[in-house]
Protein backbone atom coordinates (compact mmCIF):
# COMPACT_ATOMS: atom_id res chain seq x y z
CA MET A 1 9.01 5.82 -68.29
CA HIS A 2 8.61 3.12 -65.65
CA ILE A 3 5.95 3.69 -62.97
CA HIS A 4 8.53 3.59 -60.19
CA SER A 5 10.70 6.18 -61.95
CA LEU A 6 7.64 8.36 -62.50
CA VAL A 7 6.85 8.26 -58.79
CA GLU A 8 10.46 9.14 -57.87
CA LEU A 9 10.49 12.07 -60.29
CA GLY A 10 7.18 13.33 -58.98
CA THR A 11 8.36 13.05 -55.38
CA ARG A 12 11.44 15.19 -56.10
CA VAL A 13 9.41 17.80 -57.97
CA GLU A 14 6.84 17.81 -55.17
CA LEU A 15 9.44 18.29 -52.41
CA THR A 16 11.38 21.07 -54.14
CA GLY A 17 8.17 22.80 -55.20
CA ALA A 18 6.80 22.81 -51.65
CA LEU A 19 10.06 24.24 -50.27
CA ALA A 20 10.17 26.94 -52.96
CA LEU A 21 6.52 27.86 -52.36
CA TRP A 22 7.01 28.32 -48.61
CA LEU A 23 10.13 30.42 -49.22
CA VAL A 24 8.26 32.73 -51.59
CA ILE A 25 5.34 33.00 -49.16
CA ALA A 26 7.73 34.08 -46.40
CA LEU A 27 9.23 36.74 -48.69
CA ARG A 28 5.82 38.04 -49.74
CA LEU A 29 4.36 38.33 -46.22
CA PRO A 30 5.72 41.85 -45.42
CA THR A 31 4.26 43.44 -48.57
CA ALA A 32 1.01 41.44 -48.61
CA ARG A 33 -0.04 42.90 -45.26
CA ARG A 34 -0.50 46.32 -46.85
CA SER A 35 -3.34 45.16 -49.13
CA ARG A 36 -6.44 43.28 -48.03
CA GLN A 37 -6.83 41.50 -51.36
CA GLN A 38 -3.15 40.56 -51.46
CA LYS A 39 -3.42 39.26 -47.91
CA MET A 40 -6.44 37.10 -48.73
CA LEU A 41 -4.77 35.77 -51.88
CA LEU A 42 -1.68 34.88 -49.87
CA LEU A 43 -3.84 33.15 -47.26
CA SER A 44 -5.41 31.01 -49.98
CA VAL A 45 -1.95 30.17 -51.30
CA ILE A 46 -0.82 29.31 -47.75
CA GLY A 47 -3.78 26.96 -47.45
CA LEU A 48 -2.84 25.29 -50.73
CA ALA A 49 0.83 25.13 -49.69
CA GLY A 50 -0.19 23.45 -46.44
CA SER A 51 -2.31 20.97 -48.38
CA ILE A 52 0.69 20.16 -50.58
CA THR A 53 3.08 19.94 -47.63
CA VAL A 54 1.08 17.37 -45.72
CA TYR A 55 1.23 15.11 -48.77
CA LEU A 56 5.03 14.92 -48.54
CA ASP A 57 6.20 11.51 -47.35
CA PRO A 58 8.32 12.81 -44.42
CA VAL A 59 5.47 15.01 -43.19
CA THR A 60 2.92 12.22 -43.58
CA ALA A 61 5.17 9.80 -41.69
CA ALA A 62 5.68 12.33 -38.88
CA LEU A 63 1.94 12.98 -38.60
CA ASN A 64 1.10 9.29 -38.58
CA HIS A 65 3.70 8.70 -35.87
CA THR A 66 2.66 11.67 -33.72
CA PHE A 67 -1.10 12.03 -34.05
CA ARG A 68 -3.73 9.33 -34.03
CA PHE A 69 -5.98 11.72 -35.97
CA ALA A 70 -3.44 11.65 -38.80
CA GLY A 71 -3.94 7.93 -39.42
CA SER A 72 -5.84 6.30 -42.24
CA CYS A 73 -3.27 7.45 -44.81
CA GLY A 74 -3.87 11.13 -44.23
CA LEU A 75 -7.14 12.06 -42.55
CA PHE A 76 -5.38 15.15 -41.24
CA MET A 77 -4.18 16.12 -44.72
CA ASN A 78 -7.67 15.73 -46.14
CA GLY A 79 -9.11 17.88 -43.37
CA TRP A 80 -6.48 20.48 -44.11
CA GLY A 81 -7.41 20.24 -47.79
CA ALA A 82 -10.99 21.14 -46.96
CA LEU A 83 -9.70 24.16 -45.02
CA SER A 84 -7.53 25.26 -47.96
CA SER A 85 -10.51 25.01 -50.30
CA ALA A 86 -12.50 27.25 -47.95
CA LEU A 87 -9.68 29.84 -47.91
CA ILE A 88 -9.54 29.81 -51.71
CA LEU A 89 -13.32 30.20 -52.05
CA ASP A 90 -13.31 33.00 -49.47
CA PHE A 91 -10.74 34.88 -51.58
CA VAL A 92 -12.88 34.45 -54.70
CA LEU A 93 -15.99 35.84 -53.01
CA ALA A 94 -14.02 38.75 -51.52
CA ALA A 95 -12.61 39.62 -54.95
CA MET A 96 -16.18 39.69 -56.28
CA SER A 97 -17.29 41.89 -53.33
CA ARG A 98 -19.64 39.13 -52.21
CA ARG A 99 -17.74 37.81 -49.22
CA ARG A 100 -19.85 35.75 -46.82
CA PRO A 101 -17.53 34.08 -44.26
CA TRP A 102 -20.34 32.11 -42.63
CA LEU A 103 -21.33 30.74 -46.05
CA VAL A 104 -17.78 29.46 -46.58
CA TYR A 105 -16.46 28.37 -43.22
CA GLY A 106 -19.75 26.93 -41.95
CA PRO A 107 -19.90 24.28 -44.71
CA MET A 108 -16.15 23.75 -44.25
CA VAL A 109 -16.67 22.74 -40.61
CA LEU A 110 -19.54 20.46 -41.62
CA THR A 111 -17.42 18.91 -44.39
CA ILE A 112 -14.52 18.15 -42.03
CA ALA A 113 -16.92 16.70 -39.46
CA ALA A 114 -18.53 14.55 -42.14
CA LEU A 115 -15.12 13.30 -43.33
CA ILE A 116 -14.18 12.30 -39.80
CA ALA A 117 -17.53 10.59 -39.24
CA LEU A 118 -17.34 8.73 -42.55
CA ASN A 119 -13.77 7.63 -41.89
CA TYR A 120 -14.69 6.07 -38.55
CA THR A 121 -18.10 4.63 -39.50
CA ILE A 122 -19.31 3.49 -42.91
CA ALA A 123 -16.04 4.17 -44.80
CA PRO A 124 -13.18 3.02 -42.54
CA ASP A 125 -9.62 3.62 -43.78
CA ALA A 126 -10.95 5.72 -46.62
CA GLY A 127 -8.15 8.29 -46.30
CA CYS A 128 -5.99 6.68 -49.01
CA VAL A 129 -7.52 6.55 -52.46
CA THR A 130 -4.79 4.24 -53.77
CA SER A 131 -5.91 1.55 -51.34
CA GLN A 132 -7.76 -1.29 -52.98
CA ALA A 133 -10.18 -1.20 -50.04
CA VAL A 134 -11.67 2.09 -51.24
CA PRO A 135 -14.76 1.43 -53.40
CA TRP A 136 -15.53 3.66 -56.36
CA TYR A 137 -18.69 4.96 -54.68
CA SER A 138 -16.83 6.00 -51.49
CA PRO A 139 -18.81 8.94 -50.02
CA PHE A 140 -15.63 10.08 -48.25
CA TRP A 141 -13.77 10.73 -51.48
CA TRP A 142 -16.72 12.04 -53.46
CA LEU A 143 -17.30 14.65 -50.74
CA LEU A 144 -13.61 15.57 -50.57
CA ILE A 145 -13.27 15.89 -54.35
CA ALA A 146 -16.36 18.12 -54.52
CA ALA A 147 -15.01 20.36 -51.74
CA HIS A 148 -11.70 20.89 -53.58
CA LEU A 149 -13.24 21.50 -56.99
CA ILE A 150 -15.72 24.02 -55.56
CA GLY A 151 -12.78 26.00 -54.17
CA THR A 152 -10.17 25.81 -56.94
CA ILE A 153 -12.20 26.06 -60.17
CA PRO A 154 -13.81 29.45 -59.37
CA CYS A 155 -10.41 30.82 -58.31
CA ALA A 156 -8.83 29.70 -61.58
CA VAL A 157 -11.66 31.32 -63.55
CA LEU A 158 -11.36 34.55 -61.54
CA CYS A 159 -7.58 34.78 -62.13
CA VAL A 160 -8.08 34.26 -65.87
CA ARG A 161 -10.82 36.87 -65.93
CA TYR A 162 -8.76 39.56 -64.22
CA GLY A 163 -5.66 38.54 -66.14
CA ARG A 164 -7.45 39.24 -69.43
CA ARG A 165 -8.61 42.59 -68.06
CA ALA A 166 -5.01 43.59 -67.27
CA GLY A 167 -4.55 44.62 -70.91
CA ASP A 168 -1.04 45.90 -71.62
CA ASP A 169 0.13 45.41 -68.03
CA ARG A 170 2.08 42.28 -68.90
CA PRO A 171 3.54 41.56 -65.41
CA VAL A 172 0.10 41.62 -63.77
CA ARG A 173 -1.41 39.54 -66.56
CA THR A 174 1.41 36.99 -66.39
CA GLY A 175 1.19 36.68 -62.61
CA LEU A 176 -2.56 36.15 -62.65
CA LEU A 177 -2.35 33.59 -65.45
CA LEU A 178 0.36 31.68 -63.55
CA LEU A 179 -1.87 31.60 -60.48
CA ALA A 180 -4.77 30.46 -62.67
CA ALA A 181 -2.56 27.68 -64.02
CA GLY A 182 -1.68 26.66 -60.46
CA PHE A 183 -5.30 26.49 -59.37
CA THR A 184 -6.18 24.65 -62.59
CA SER A 185 -3.43 22.12 -61.89
CA SER A 186 -4.85 21.62 -58.39
CA ALA A 187 -8.32 21.05 -59.85
CA THR A 188 -6.81 18.66 -62.39
CA PHE A 189 -5.29 16.66 -59.53
CA TRP A 190 -8.70 16.04 -58.04
CA CYS A 191 -10.11 15.12 -61.42
CA VAL A 192 -7.27 12.58 -61.72
CA VAL A 193 -8.18 11.28 -58.26
CA LEU A 194 -11.77 10.86 -59.45
CA ALA A 195 -10.61 9.06 -62.59
CA PHE A 196 -8.42 6.75 -60.50
CA LEU A 197 -11.33 6.05 -58.16
CA LEU A 198 -13.46 4.98 -61.11
CA ALA A 199 -10.93 3.15 -63.34
CA ARG A 200 -7.99 2.16 -61.04
CA PRO A 201 -5.12 2.31 -63.60
CA ALA A 202 -1.76 2.01 -61.79
CA TRP A 203 -0.02 4.59 -63.99
CA LEU A 204 -2.65 7.20 -63.11
CA GLY A 205 -1.93 6.79 -59.40
CA ALA A 206 1.78 7.27 -60.14
CA LEU A 207 0.98 10.74 -61.51
CA PHE A 208 -0.23 12.05 -58.14
CA PRO A 209 3.17 13.31 -56.81
CA LEU A 210 4.13 14.87 -60.15
CA ASN A 211 0.77 16.63 -60.43
CA ILE A 212 1.14 18.02 -56.90
CA GLY A 213 4.71 19.13 -57.68
CA VAL A 214 3.64 20.95 -60.87
CA THR A 215 0.92 22.72 -58.87
CA ALA A 216 3.49 23.82 -56.29
CA TRP A 217 5.87 25.23 -58.90
CA LEU A 218 3.10 27.07 -60.79
CA MET A 219 1.89 28.68 -57.56
CA THR A 220 5.49 29.55 -56.69
CA ALA A 221 5.95 31.28 -60.05
CA GLY A 222 2.70 33.24 -59.69
CA VAL A 223 3.41 34.38 -56.13
CA CYS A 224 7.09 35.06 -56.87
CA LEU A 225 6.57 37.27 -59.94
CA PRO A 226 6.03 40.54 -57.99
CA LEU A 227 9.24 39.84 -56.07
CA VAL A 228 11.13 39.25 -59.31
CA LEU A 229 9.78 42.51 -60.76
CA THR A 230 10.74 44.41 -57.60
CA VAL A 231 14.27 43.03 -57.68
CA ARG A 232 14.55 43.76 -61.40
CA ARG A 233 13.37 47.36 -60.97
CA ALA A 234 15.71 47.86 -58.02
CA ALA A 235 18.64 46.54 -60.07
CA ARG A 236 17.80 48.93 -62.91
CA ASP A 237 17.50 51.84 -60.47
CA MET A 238 20.85 50.96 -58.90
CA SER A 239 22.47 50.78 -62.32
CA ALA A 240 21.00 54.12 -63.42
CA LEU A 241 21.96 55.76 -60.10
CA TRP A 242 25.54 54.56 -60.45
CA ARG A 243 25.93 55.46 -64.14
CA LEU A 244 24.34 58.92 -63.82
CA ARG A 245 26.63 59.91 -60.96
CA PRO A 246 29.37 61.46 -63.21
CA LEU A 247 26.82 63.58 -65.11
CA TRP A 248 25.14 64.61 -61.86
CA ARG A 249 28.48 65.58 -60.30
CA GLU A 250 29.53 67.64 -63.32
CA VAL A 251 26.32 69.66 -63.67
CA THR A 252 25.84 70.19 -59.93
CA GLU A 253 29.40 71.43 -59.56
CA ALA A 254 28.55 74.01 -62.22
CA VAL A 255 25.17 74.82 -60.60
CA PRO A 256 25.60 73.84 -56.93
CA HIS A 257 22.43 75.48 -55.62
CA VAL A 258 20.17 72.84 -57.24
CA THR A 259 21.27 70.15 -54.76
CA LEU A 260 19.11 69.59 -51.70
CA ASP A 261 21.41 67.69 -49.36
CA LYS A 262 25.03 66.86 -48.93
CA PRO A 263 25.94 64.11 -51.42
CA VAL A 264 26.66 60.63 -50.10
CA PRO A 265 29.49 58.41 -51.43
CA ARG A 266 28.76 56.72 -54.74
CA VAL A 267 28.85 53.18 -53.34
CA ARG A 268 26.65 54.06 -50.39
CA ALA A 269 24.10 55.72 -52.68
CA VAL A 270 23.27 52.46 -54.45
CA LEU A 271 22.81 50.46 -51.25
CA GLY A 272 19.51 50.23 -49.39
CA ARG A 273 15.93 49.11 -49.77
CA PRO A 274 14.35 49.26 -53.25
CA ARG A 275 12.13 52.19 -52.26
CA THR A 276 15.09 54.13 -50.85
CA ILE A 277 17.15 53.56 -54.00
CA ARG A 278 14.27 54.72 -56.18
CA LEU A 279 13.86 57.91 -54.16
CA ARG A 280 17.58 58.63 -54.51
CA LEU A 281 17.37 58.11 -58.27
CA TYR A 282 14.33 60.39 -58.43
CA ARG A 283 16.15 63.14 -56.57
CA GLN A 284 19.26 62.73 -58.71
CA VAL A 285 17.27 62.99 -61.95
CA ILE A 286 15.41 66.06 -60.67
CA GLU A 287 18.65 67.78 -59.69
CA ILE A 288 20.21 67.07 -63.10
CA ARG A 289 17.11 68.41 -64.82
CA ASP A 290 17.12 71.56 -62.66
CA ALA A 291 20.78 72.11 -63.49
CA LEU A 292 20.06 71.72 -67.21
CA LEU A 293 17.31 74.36 -66.97
CA VAL A 294 19.85 76.80 -65.55
CA LEU A 295 22.64 75.87 -67.96
CA GLN A 296 20.49 76.24 -71.08
CA ASP A 297 20.53 80.00 -70.52
CA TYR A 298 24.29 79.96 -71.06
CA VAL A 299 23.75 78.85 -74.66
CA THR A 300 22.52 81.11 -77.43
CA SER A 301 19.72 80.17 -79.78
CA GLU A 302 22.27 80.17 -82.59
CA ALA A 303 24.34 77.57 -80.73
CA MET A 304 21.24 75.43 -80.25
CA GLU A 305 20.48 75.59 -83.96
CA ALA A 306 24.10 74.87 -84.84
CA ALA A 307 24.05 71.79 -82.60
CA ARG A 308 20.86 70.52 -84.20
CA HIS A 309 22.20 71.02 -87.73
CA HIS A 310 25.52 69.45 -86.83
CA ILE A 311 23.89 66.33 -85.38
CA GLY A 312 21.39 66.17 -88.25
CA ALA A 313 24.28 65.86 -90.69
CA GLN A 314 25.82 62.89 -88.83
CA HIS A 315 23.19 60.30 -89.83
CA LEU A 316 22.53 59.08 -86.30
CA SER A 317 19.57 56.86 -85.45
CA GLY A 318 16.34 58.55 -84.43
CA GLU A 319 16.64 57.77 -80.71
CA GLN A 320 20.19 59.22 -80.64
CA VAL A 321 19.38 62.62 -82.11
CA GLU A 322 17.89 64.46 -79.12
CA PRO A 323 20.41 63.09 -76.59
CA ALA A 324 23.25 64.04 -78.95
CA VAL A 325 21.86 67.56 -79.43
CA THR A 326 21.55 67.97 -75.66
CA ALA A 327 25.10 66.68 -75.18
CA CYS A 328 26.38 69.27 -77.70
CA TRP A 329 24.77 72.32 -76.12
CA LEU A 330 25.54 71.04 -72.61
CA CYS A 331 29.28 71.02 -73.36
CA THR A 332 29.00 74.57 -74.67
CA ALA A 333 26.96 75.65 -71.61
CA LEU A 334 29.47 74.18 -69.17
CA ASP A 335 32.31 75.98 -70.92
CA ALA A 336 30.37 79.25 -70.82
CA ARG A 337 29.48 78.75 -67.16
CA GLN A 338 33.13 78.15 -66.32
CA ALA A 339 34.06 81.30 -68.22
CA ALA A 340 31.60 83.26 -66.03
CA ALA A 341 29.42 84.23 -69.00
CA THR A 342 26.21 86.15 -68.40
CA PRO A 343 23.11 83.92 -68.68
CA ARG A 344 20.43 85.05 -71.10
CA PRO A 345 16.91 83.65 -71.59
CA ASN A 346 17.09 81.10 -74.40
CA GLN A 347 14.36 81.38 -76.99
CA LEU A 348 14.73 77.74 -78.11
CA ALA A 349 13.70 75.07 -75.62
CA PRO A 350 16.05 72.08 -75.72
CA GLY A 351 14.79 68.63 -76.65
CA GLY A 352 13.89 66.04 -74.03
CA PRO A 353 11.87 62.90 -73.36
CA ALA A 354 8.12 62.60 -73.42
CA HIS A 355 8.02 63.04 -69.60
CA ASP A 356 6.14 59.79 -69.03
CA GLY A 357 7.83 58.84 -65.79
CA LEU A 358 11.09 58.45 -63.92
CA ARG A 359 12.28 55.63 -66.16
CA SER A 360 11.92 57.77 -69.30
CA GLU A 361 13.79 60.65 -67.68
CA ALA A 362 16.60 58.42 -66.46
CA ASP A 363 16.91 56.66 -69.83
CA PHE A 364 17.14 60.00 -71.63
CA LEU A 365 19.86 61.30 -69.32
CA LEU A 366 21.78 58.05 -69.69
CA ALA A 367 21.51 58.48 -73.47
CA VAL A 368 22.92 62.01 -73.09
CA LEU A 369 25.80 60.59 -71.07
CA ARG A 370 26.54 58.01 -73.76
CA ALA A 371 26.20 60.59 -76.54
CA ARG A 372 28.96 62.72 -75.05
CA ALA A 373 31.46 60.03 -76.07
CA LEU A 374 30.29 59.98 -79.71
CA PRO A 375 32.68 61.44 -82.31
CA ALA A 376 29.76 63.48 -83.69
CA VAL A 377 29.37 65.26 -80.35
CA ARG A 378 33.08 65.60 -79.64
CA SER A 379 33.58 67.27 -83.01
CA PHE A 380 30.97 69.96 -82.28
CA ALA A 381 32.50 73.33 -81.43
CA VAL A 382 30.72 76.65 -80.85
CA PRO A 383 32.31 79.72 -79.25
CA PRO A 384 31.16 80.36 -75.67
CA THR A 385 28.21 82.66 -75.10
CA PRO A 386 29.35 86.31 -75.20
CA THR A 387 29.49 88.04 -71.83
CA GLY A 388 28.18 91.39 -72.98
CA PRO A 389 24.93 93.00 -71.76
CA ALA A 390 21.68 91.26 -72.51
CA PRO A 391 19.53 92.65 -75.33
CA THR A 392 17.07 95.38 -74.39
CA GLY A 393 14.20 94.00 -76.45
CA PRO A 394 11.34 92.08 -74.82
CA ALA A 395 12.31 88.55 -73.87
CA PRO A 396 9.98 85.64 -74.38
CA ALA A 397 7.70 84.81 -71.46
CA ARG A 398 9.32 82.13 -69.30
CA PRO A 399 9.87 81.47 -65.58
CA ALA A 400 12.71 83.51 -64.15
CA VAL A 401 15.84 81.53 -63.27
CA PRO A 402 17.92 82.98 -60.39
CA ASP A 403 21.57 83.75 -60.96
CA PRO A 404 23.51 80.99 -59.19
CA ARG A 405 26.27 83.49 -58.36
CA ALA A 406 23.90 85.70 -56.39
CA PRO A 407 23.31 85.02 -52.64
CA GLN A 408 20.46 82.56 -52.19
CA SER A 409 17.63 83.19 -49.81
CA SER A 410 16.76 80.49 -47.27
CA THR A 411 13.81 79.06 -49.07
CA SER A 412 12.99 75.41 -49.50
CA ARG A 413 12.56 73.87 -52.90
CA THR A 414 10.21 71.00 -53.48
CA SER A 415 10.22 68.61 -56.39
């Protein structure tokens, strides 16, 4: 690729990456304020984003036209770069519980003052490393490169360290490794600057915009990952809330006292903030589960066994068995409840998920909903539970379930 084409490609990647990074930062600000570490990490990313932004040609031209301090091909941008390195180093020390603001920002002020003094004294016009007037031993650029590497390399190492500690938490590990890649790319940029200062190959200088653009996109990906996971979880919750609505409506119409509030329309239920949608899904799952606990007493132990043997003979996959069994006895229970049968304590507890969270519960109930359409479930038929008197023998120890037909006392139920 020609050097000019390489510069044009890098400029486009740099511009789009900077815009994407600022957009993600704006979206992350509301949630980052709740955590001190998240806030400090975002501040370090803001510093790096500012350092990238001032390297954009339109921004550099505007600064050179507006501020005298911005002359010398970017004295302002190099001062901002020293500030961003201090923000990054401050985050690293805070993450290690060794934060010393005076130890970070004091040298930062001295570094910026030294850069200004060098630029206007022994190293005039040293703000542009691609200028042939910059000697390889320029103290201006050696000081600036050291300041950036001291800030970015420890942050990259820290992100890798905590990313490896994340273990099976793949989203956290991926996010930290993306941030580590972004900080590594930033450190690589300054190593390329050092190599250009020493060797002066033209093609190496053409890599500057592309290197900055890659850094911007890596940081965007690392900062954006929590937003992507939040949106993905909200979409799954909305889907589960919408798809479980028919099952919820059917079982709560049979056992109306398990509902806490007046139901909202189906479309309105799936609209709102991610946290609100998740709470609605949680309540819906709890109400379905409570209704199932009541309905299981409308099924005899013999019907439960018959359902299990019937499904066992259908050669279904392992993950379909328990939902199909539940779908079988649920149909029988709903028929018995409609026929006003007398509930009796069931000696066989129905199958269910491993109770390892809301997602497991919702997935199991969705599997029950799908199983009800299977021919194996539709072909299951057991007579309704007899309505005669309950047996006089001792019943197994279990929590008492109130008769839904009896008047309910004004007590509050928590879940």
